[in-house]
């Protein structure tokens, strides 16, 4: 029986070596290779080997990624950890541009105006980088919704008015943002929770291509920035979001209506 068990172990190891001998030369680095069935005595050995193999394969993939793309990769990993399995769509399959309002295809006729506004803010407060920018629909403390834009730098969160050459309407220090709330459905609702200030509720829209979902991107770049600056940011996924508007607690929920093609805010009977 001992001889038989040793033969089973040797046969398994020989088959393992045969299957994985040339994985370094395969396009997927052995992801498609099927593992042989181990004898019972080597079940834990195979689990450990699979963990080692996954780490080795990940290293081979990461080595081929240019340094310029590593920031986006880290942001996507952060978004996946916060939203994976909790949100239906968070945009992991596409490239993240982050600063959309500076793009002529996203913001035709206004991209140069926005770039001038960003430069004037940079000359004033000397921030290092733009983390995210996008057109939004927002709601104020009186229950009125308006088209605005948000600009997130490494120092501030700005609310801008696109109709007035992206004039700054509100500037929040990024250090005062304590968390984000997003929905589990495809709605691009984002609530910025703040420390001791009125919170900001926006819905990302006017995207190119239409329907491009950017919630995961906003969450990911903010989480990665907070990780780099050693600061904690809470991310909550819920279809019922509590927030403070005008010193009053409000409840935001999402409804889908066929007669409303673009996102908007409305007040229900119960407020």
Foldseek 3Di string as FASTA:
>chain_A
DVVVVVVLQVVLVVVQCVQQVPLVVDPQSCPPGDRDDHPPVCPVVVVVVVVVSVVVSVVVVVVPDDPVCVLVVQLLVQLCVQPPPQADDAQPVDDDPFAQLLDCVLPPPQNVLVVVVVVVVCVVPVFDFWRHKAWWWWAALVRDIDIWMWTDTLFWIFIFRSVVSRHTPDIGTPVQFAEWEEERYLWQWIWTAGHPDFIIIITGASGVVHSNHNNSSVNSSSCSSCVVVVHDYYYHYHQWDWGDHPNDIDIHHDDDDPVDPDDDTGDDPVD
